[in-house]
Amino acid sequence: MAFLYEPGPFVGVFNEKRNKGPALLKWLTEPDNVLRMETGSELEHPAVEAIEWRVADAFPEQLRVSRALRPRNEVARMVGHMIRQIMEHRGFELEQEGVRLRAGFRGVFSTGARYRRKKK
C-alpha cells in the first residue's frame, strides 16, 4: 500500500511554497531516511534523532535555528507530524512523545516521539 501524507492541521504550512512541504516529505520517505528512523526507533530513540542533522542540512532555510522561533517552528512540527505518519505506515506505533534528544545537532529539535513496532 502506497503512503499518502495527510497534512491535517499543517495543510497551510505544507502548501506554503517557501516551506517546501512536498520536497520535505519526499526527502523523509527516501528509503535511506526511513531506514534510519526505523533503526533509531528499534534502538529506543526518537525517530527524528536519527535524521536530525541530515534534514537540517538538506533544508536549512526551512529549519533555520532561531531561539525566537523555536517554540513555534511550524515546519519542524510538521516534520514530526510527517514522521509519525511514515512510522505508522511502516508498522510502528507511538510509544512516547516529548522524549529529549541525546544531543541536538542543529538545535532544531530538542524532543521527539519514540516509536515501537506493533505487536502482531
N, C-alpha and C. Protein backbone atom coordinates (compact mmCIF):
# COMPACT_ATOMS: atom_id res chain seq x y z
N MET A 1 0.84 -1.18 0.00
CA MET A 1 0.00 0.00 0.00
C MET A 1 0.89 1.25 0.00
N ALA A 2 0.61 2.15 -0.91
CA ALA A 2 1.40 3.38 -1.03
C ALA A 2 1.11 4.33 0.13
N PHE A 3 2.12 5.08 0.51
CA PHE A 3 1.98 6.05 1.59
C PHE A 3 1.41 7.35 1.06
N LEU A 4 0.43 7.88 1.75
CA LEU A 4 -0.17 9.16 1.40
C LEU A 4 -0.22 10.01 2.66
N TYR A 5 0.50 11.12 2.64
CA TYR A 5 0.54 12.01 3.81
C TYR A 5 -0.74 12.82 3.89
N GLU A 6 -1.30 12.88 5.09
CA GLU A 6 -2.49 13.70 5.38
C GLU A 6 -2.04 14.86 6.27
N PRO A 7 -1.88 16.07 5.72
CA PRO A 7 -1.32 17.18 6.49
C PRO A 7 -2.20 17.69 7.63
N GLY A 8 -3.49 17.44 7.57
CA GLY A 8 -4.39 17.86 8.65
C GLY A 8 -4.15 19.30 9.06
N PRO A 9 -3.77 19.54 10.34
CA PRO A 9 -3.58 20.92 10.81
C PRO A 9 -2.39 21.63 10.17
N PHE A 10 -1.56 20.90 9.43
CA PHE A 10 -0.39 21.50 8.79
C PHE A 10 -0.59 21.74 7.30
N VAL A 11 -1.82 21.68 6.83
CA VAL A 11 -2.08 21.85 5.39
C VAL A 11 -1.56 23.19 4.89
N GLY A 12 -1.73 24.24 5.64
CA GLY A 12 -1.23 25.56 5.23
C GLY A 12 0.28 25.62 5.20
N VAL A 13 0.91 25.06 6.21
CA VAL A 13 2.38 25.03 6.28
C VAL A 13 2.92 24.17 5.14
N PHE A 14 2.30 23.02 4.91
CA PHE A 14 2.73 22.09 3.87
C PHE A 14 2.65 22.74 2.49
N ASN A 15 1.60 23.45 2.22
CA ASN A 15 1.38 24.03 0.89
C ASN A 15 2.06 25.37 0.67
N GLU A 16 2.56 26.00 1.71
CA GLU A 16 3.24 27.29 1.55
C GLU A 16 4.56 27.05 0.82
N LYS A 17 4.72 27.69 -0.32
CA LYS A 17 5.84 27.41 -1.22
C LYS A 17 7.21 27.48 -0.53
N ARG A 18 7.43 28.47 0.29
CA ARG A 18 8.75 28.63 0.91
C ARG A 18 9.08 27.52 1.91
N ASN A 19 8.08 26.80 2.39
CA ASN A 19 8.31 25.73 3.36
C ASN A 19 8.71 24.41 2.71
N LYS A 20 8.48 24.28 1.40
CA LYS A 20 8.87 23.09 0.64
C LYS A 20 8.31 21.80 1.23
N GLY A 21 7.04 21.83 1.60
CA GLY A 21 6.40 20.65 2.19
C GLY A 21 6.53 19.39 1.36
N PRO A 22 6.17 19.42 0.06
CA PRO A 22 6.31 18.22 -0.75
C PRO A 22 7.76 17.71 -0.85
N ALA A 23 8.71 18.62 -0.94
CA ALA A 23 10.13 18.22 -1.01
C ALA A 23 10.59 17.61 0.32
N LEU A 24 10.15 18.19 1.43
CA LEU A 24 10.46 17.62 2.74
C LEU A 24 9.90 16.20 2.86
N LEU A 25 8.67 16.03 2.44
CA LEU A 25 8.04 14.71 2.51
C LEU A 25 8.78 13.71 1.64
N LYS A 26 9.13 14.12 0.45
CA LYS A 26 9.88 13.22 -0.45
C LYS A 26 11.19 12.82 0.19
N TRP A 27 11.89 13.78 0.79
CA TRP A 27 13.18 13.51 1.43
C TRP A 27 12.99 12.54 2.60
N LEU A 28 11.98 12.79 3.43
CA LEU A 28 11.75 11.93 4.59
C LEU A 28 11.38 10.50 4.20
N THR A 29 10.76 10.33 3.06
CA THR A 29 10.33 8.99 2.65
C THR A 29 11.35 8.28 1.76
N GLU A 30 12.51 8.88 1.55
CA GLU A 30 13.58 8.17 0.84
C GLU A 30 13.97 6.94 1.66
N PRO A 31 14.20 5.81 1.01
CA PRO A 31 14.48 4.57 1.74
C PRO A 31 15.58 4.68 2.81
N ASP A 32 16.67 5.38 2.51
CA ASP A 32 17.75 5.51 3.49
C ASP A 32 17.27 6.24 4.75
N ASN A 33 16.46 7.27 4.57
CA ASN A 33 15.98 8.04 5.71
C ASN A 33 14.95 7.26 6.52
N VAL A 34 14.10 6.51 5.84
CA VAL A 34 13.13 5.67 6.54
C VAL A 34 13.88 4.61 7.35
N LEU A 35 14.89 4.01 6.75
CA LEU A 35 15.69 3.01 7.46
C LEU A 35 16.36 3.61 8.70
N ARG A 36 16.87 4.82 8.57
CA ARG A 36 17.50 5.49 9.73
C ARG A 36 16.48 5.69 10.85
N MET A 37 15.28 6.15 10.50
CA MET A 37 14.25 6.38 11.52
C MET A 37 13.81 5.07 12.16
N GLU A 38 13.69 4.02 11.36
CA GLU A 38 13.32 2.71 11.91
C GLU A 38 14.41 2.19 12.84
N THR A 39 15.66 2.31 12.42
CA THR A 39 16.78 1.84 13.25
C THR A 39 16.84 2.62 14.56
N GLY A 40 16.70 3.93 14.48
CA GLY A 40 16.68 4.74 15.70
C GLY A 40 15.57 4.30 16.64
N SER A 41 14.41 4.02 16.07
CA SER A 41 13.27 3.57 16.88
C SER A 41 13.54 2.21 17.51
N GLU A 42 14.13 1.30 16.75
CA GLU A 42 14.45 -0.02 17.29
C GLU A 42 15.49 0.07 18.41
N LEU A 43 16.30 1.12 18.38
CA LEU A 43 17.28 1.35 19.45
C LEU A 43 16.70 2.18 20.59
N GLU A 44 15.37 2.40 20.54
CA GLU A 44 14.61 3.10 21.56
C GLU A 44 14.96 4.58 21.69
N HIS A 45 15.21 5.19 20.53
CA HIS A 45 15.46 6.63 20.45
C HIS A 45 14.35 7.27 19.62
N PRO A 46 14.13 8.57 19.79
CA PRO A 46 13.16 9.24 18.92
C PRO A 46 13.57 9.10 17.45
N ALA A 47 12.61 8.86 16.60
CA ALA A 47 12.90 8.66 15.17
C ALA A 47 13.61 9.87 14.57
N VAL A 48 13.22 11.07 14.96
CA VAL A 48 13.81 12.28 14.39
C VAL A 48 15.29 12.41 14.74
N GLU A 49 15.71 11.82 15.84
CA GLU A 49 17.12 11.89 16.25
C GLU A 49 18.03 11.29 15.18
N ALA A 50 17.55 10.25 14.50
CA ALA A 50 18.35 9.56 13.50
C ALA A 50 18.57 10.35 12.22
N ILE A 51 17.74 11.36 11.98
CA ILE A 51 17.86 12.12 10.73
C ILE A 51 18.02 13.61 10.99
N GLU A 52 18.12 14.01 12.23
CA GLU A 52 18.11 15.43 12.59
C GLU A 52 19.12 16.27 11.81
N TRP A 53 20.38 15.92 11.85
CA TRP A 53 21.37 16.77 11.19
C TRP A 53 21.25 16.71 9.67
N ARG A 54 20.81 15.56 9.15
CA ARG A 54 20.66 15.44 7.70
C ARG A 54 19.52 16.32 7.18
N VAL A 55 18.40 16.30 7.87
CA VAL A 55 17.26 17.11 7.42
C VAL A 55 17.57 18.60 7.59
N ALA A 56 18.31 18.94 8.66
CA ALA A 56 18.69 20.35 8.86
C ALA A 56 19.65 20.82 7.76
N ASP A 57 20.53 19.92 7.30
CA ASP A 57 21.44 20.27 6.21
C ASP A 57 20.71 20.34 4.88
N ALA A 58 19.75 19.46 4.68
CA ALA A 58 19.01 19.41 3.40
C ALA A 58 18.04 20.59 3.25
N PHE A 59 17.52 21.08 4.38
CA PHE A 59 16.52 22.16 4.36
C PHE A 59 16.88 23.25 5.37
N PRO A 60 18.04 23.89 5.17
CA PRO A 60 18.49 24.88 6.17
C PRO A 60 17.58 26.09 6.31
N GLU A 61 17.02 26.57 5.22
CA GLU A 61 16.14 27.75 5.30
C GLU A 61 14.84 27.42 6.00
N GLN A 62 14.31 26.24 5.75
CA GLN A 62 13.03 25.85 6.34
C GLN A 62 13.17 25.51 7.82
N LEU A 63 14.34 25.00 8.21
CA LEU A 63 14.55 24.58 9.60
C LEU A 63 15.61 25.44 10.28
N ARG A 64 15.67 26.70 9.89
CA ARG A 64 16.64 27.63 10.47
C ARG A 64 16.51 27.66 11.98
N VAL A 65 17.64 27.61 12.63
CA VAL A 65 17.65 27.65 14.09
C VAL A 65 17.46 29.10 14.53
N SER A 66 16.46 29.31 15.31
CA SER A 66 16.20 30.63 15.85
C SER A 66 15.55 30.46 17.21
N ARG A 67 16.22 30.94 18.23
CA ARG A 67 15.66 30.81 19.58
C ARG A 67 14.30 31.50 19.68
N ALA A 68 14.14 32.60 18.93
CA ALA A 68 12.87 33.31 18.97
C ALA A 68 11.75 32.49 18.34
N LEU A 69 12.08 31.72 17.30
CA LEU A 69 11.07 30.93 16.60
C LEU A 69 10.90 29.53 17.16
N ARG A 70 11.86 29.09 17.93
CA ARG A 70 11.89 27.68 18.35
C ARG A 70 10.57 27.16 18.91
N PRO A 71 9.92 27.87 19.81
CA PRO A 71 8.68 27.30 20.33
C PRO A 71 7.57 27.20 19.28
N ARG A 72 7.68 27.94 18.20
CA ARG A 72 6.61 27.99 17.20
C ARG A 72 7.10 27.58 15.81
N ASN A 73 8.18 26.82 15.75
CA ASN A 73 8.69 26.43 14.44
C ASN A 73 7.74 25.42 13.81
N GLU A 74 6.81 25.93 13.03
CA GLU A 74 5.75 25.10 12.45
C GLU A 74 6.31 24.08 11.46
N VAL A 75 7.38 24.41 10.77
CA VAL A 75 7.95 23.44 9.82
C VAL A 75 8.52 22.26 10.58
N ALA A 76 9.23 22.51 11.67
CA ALA A 76 9.77 21.41 12.49
C ALA A 76 8.64 20.56 13.06
N ARG A 77 7.58 21.19 13.48
CA ARG A 77 6.43 20.44 13.99
C ARG A 77 5.79 19.61 12.88
N MET A 78 5.73 20.17 11.68
CA MET A 78 5.19 19.43 10.55
C MET A 78 6.07 18.22 10.23
N VAL A 79 7.38 18.36 10.34
CA VAL A 79 8.29 17.23 10.12
C VAL A 79 7.95 16.11 11.11
N GLY A 80 7.73 16.46 12.36
CA GLY A 80 7.33 15.46 13.35
C GLY A 80 6.02 14.79 12.99
N HIS A 81 5.09 15.57 12.48
CA HIS A 81 3.78 15.06 12.04
C HIS A 81 3.97 14.09 10.87
N MET A 82 4.84 14.45 9.94
CA MET A 82 5.13 13.57 8.81
C MET A 82 5.76 12.27 9.28
N ILE A 83 6.74 12.39 10.18
CA ILE A 83 7.44 11.21 10.68
C ILE A 83 6.46 10.26 11.35
N ARG A 84 5.54 10.80 12.11
CA ARG A 84 4.56 9.93 12.78
C ARG A 84 3.77 9.10 11.76
N GLN A 85 3.31 9.76 10.71
CA GLN A 85 2.53 9.04 9.70
C GLN A 85 3.39 8.03 8.93
N ILE A 86 4.63 8.39 8.66
CA ILE A 86 5.54 7.47 7.98
C ILE A 86 5.78 6.24 8.85
N MET A 87 6.07 6.47 10.12
CA MET A 87 6.36 5.35 11.03
C MET A 87 5.13 4.45 11.20
N GLU A 88 3.96 5.04 11.32
CA GLU A 88 2.74 4.24 11.45
C GLU A 88 2.50 3.42 10.18
N HIS A 89 2.77 4.03 9.04
CA HIS A 89 2.62 3.32 7.77
C HIS A 89 3.58 2.13 7.69
N ARG A 90 4.72 2.25 8.33
CA ARG A 90 5.75 1.21 8.30
C ARG A 90 5.57 0.15 9.40
N GLY A 91 4.46 0.24 10.13
CA GLY A 91 4.18 -0.79 11.13
C GLY A 91 4.64 -0.47 12.54
N PHE A 92 4.88 0.80 12.81
CA PHE A 92 5.28 1.22 14.14
C PHE A 92 4.10 1.93 14.81
N GLU A 93 4.15 2.02 16.12
CA GLU A 93 3.14 2.76 16.86
C GLU A 93 3.83 3.69 17.83
N LEU A 94 3.15 4.75 18.18
CA LEU A 94 3.69 5.73 19.11
C LEU A 94 3.87 5.08 20.48
N GLU A 95 5.07 5.24 21.02
CA GLU A 95 5.36 4.74 22.36
C GLU A 95 5.37 5.89 23.37
N GLN A 96 6.04 6.99 23.01
CA GLN A 96 6.13 8.11 23.93
C GLN A 96 6.46 9.39 23.16
N GLU A 97 5.76 10.47 23.50
CA GLU A 97 6.04 11.78 22.92
C GLU A 97 6.93 12.58 23.86
N GLY A 98 7.57 13.60 23.33
CA GLY A 98 8.34 14.52 24.15
C GLY A 98 9.61 13.95 24.74
N VAL A 99 10.21 12.97 24.06
CA VAL A 99 11.46 12.37 24.54
C VAL A 99 12.61 13.28 24.15
N ARG A 100 13.40 13.66 25.14
CA ARG A 100 14.53 14.55 24.88
C ARG A 100 15.57 13.86 24.02
N LEU A 101 16.04 14.56 22.98
CA LEU A 101 17.08 14.02 22.11
C LEU A 101 18.40 14.03 22.87
N ARG A 102 19.24 13.05 22.59
CA ARG A 102 20.52 12.94 23.29
C ARG A 102 21.40 14.16 23.08
N ALA A 103 21.53 14.57 21.83
CA ALA A 103 22.37 15.73 21.53
C ALA A 103 21.80 16.40 20.29
N GLY A 104 21.21 17.56 20.49
CA GLY A 104 20.65 18.28 19.35
C GLY A 104 21.75 18.81 18.47
N PHE A 105 21.87 18.27 17.27
CA PHE A 105 22.94 18.65 16.35
C PHE A 105 22.81 20.08 15.88
N ARG A 106 21.62 20.46 15.47
CA ARG A 106 21.40 21.81 14.95
C ARG A 106 20.51 22.64 15.86
N GLY A 107 20.01 22.04 16.90
CA GLY A 107 19.13 22.77 17.79
C GLY A 107 17.73 22.93 17.25
N VAL A 108 17.42 22.28 16.13
CA VAL A 108 16.09 22.40 15.54
C VAL A 108 15.09 21.60 16.37
N PHE A 109 15.48 20.40 16.74
CA PHE A 109 14.61 19.52 17.52
C PHE A 109 15.25 19.28 18.88
N SER A 110 14.51 19.51 19.93
CA SER A 110 15.03 19.20 21.26
C SER A 110 14.35 17.95 21.81
N THR A 111 13.14 17.67 21.32
CA THR A 111 12.43 16.46 21.71
C THR A 111 11.82 15.82 20.47
N GLY A 112 11.45 14.57 20.61
CA GLY A 112 10.81 13.85 19.52
C GLY A 112 10.01 12.69 20.07
N ALA A 113 9.30 12.04 19.18
CA ALA A 113 8.48 10.89 19.58
C ALA A 113 9.27 9.61 19.36
N ARG A 114 9.04 8.69 20.27
CA ARG A 114 9.66 7.37 20.17
C ARG A 114 8.58 6.37 19.73
N TYR A 115 8.95 5.50 18.82
CA TYR A 115 8.03 4.52 18.26
C TYR A 115 8.53 3.11 18.53
N ARG A 116 7.62 2.16 18.51
CA ARG A 116 7.98 0.74 18.63
C ARG A 116 7.18 -0.02 17.57
N ARG A 117 7.72 -1.14 17.16
CA ARG A 117 6.99 -1.98 16.19
C ARG A 117 5.71 -2.48 16.83
N LYS A 118 4.64 -2.48 16.04
CA LYS A 118 3.37 -3.00 16.54
C LYS A 118 3.52 -4.50 16.77
N LYS A 119 2.93 -4.95 17.83
CA LYS A 119 2.93 -6.38 18.10
C LYS A 119 1.94 -7.05 17.17
N LYS A 120 2.31 -8.20 16.67
CA LYS A 120 1.44 -8.92 15.72
C LYS A 120 0.44 -9.79 16.45
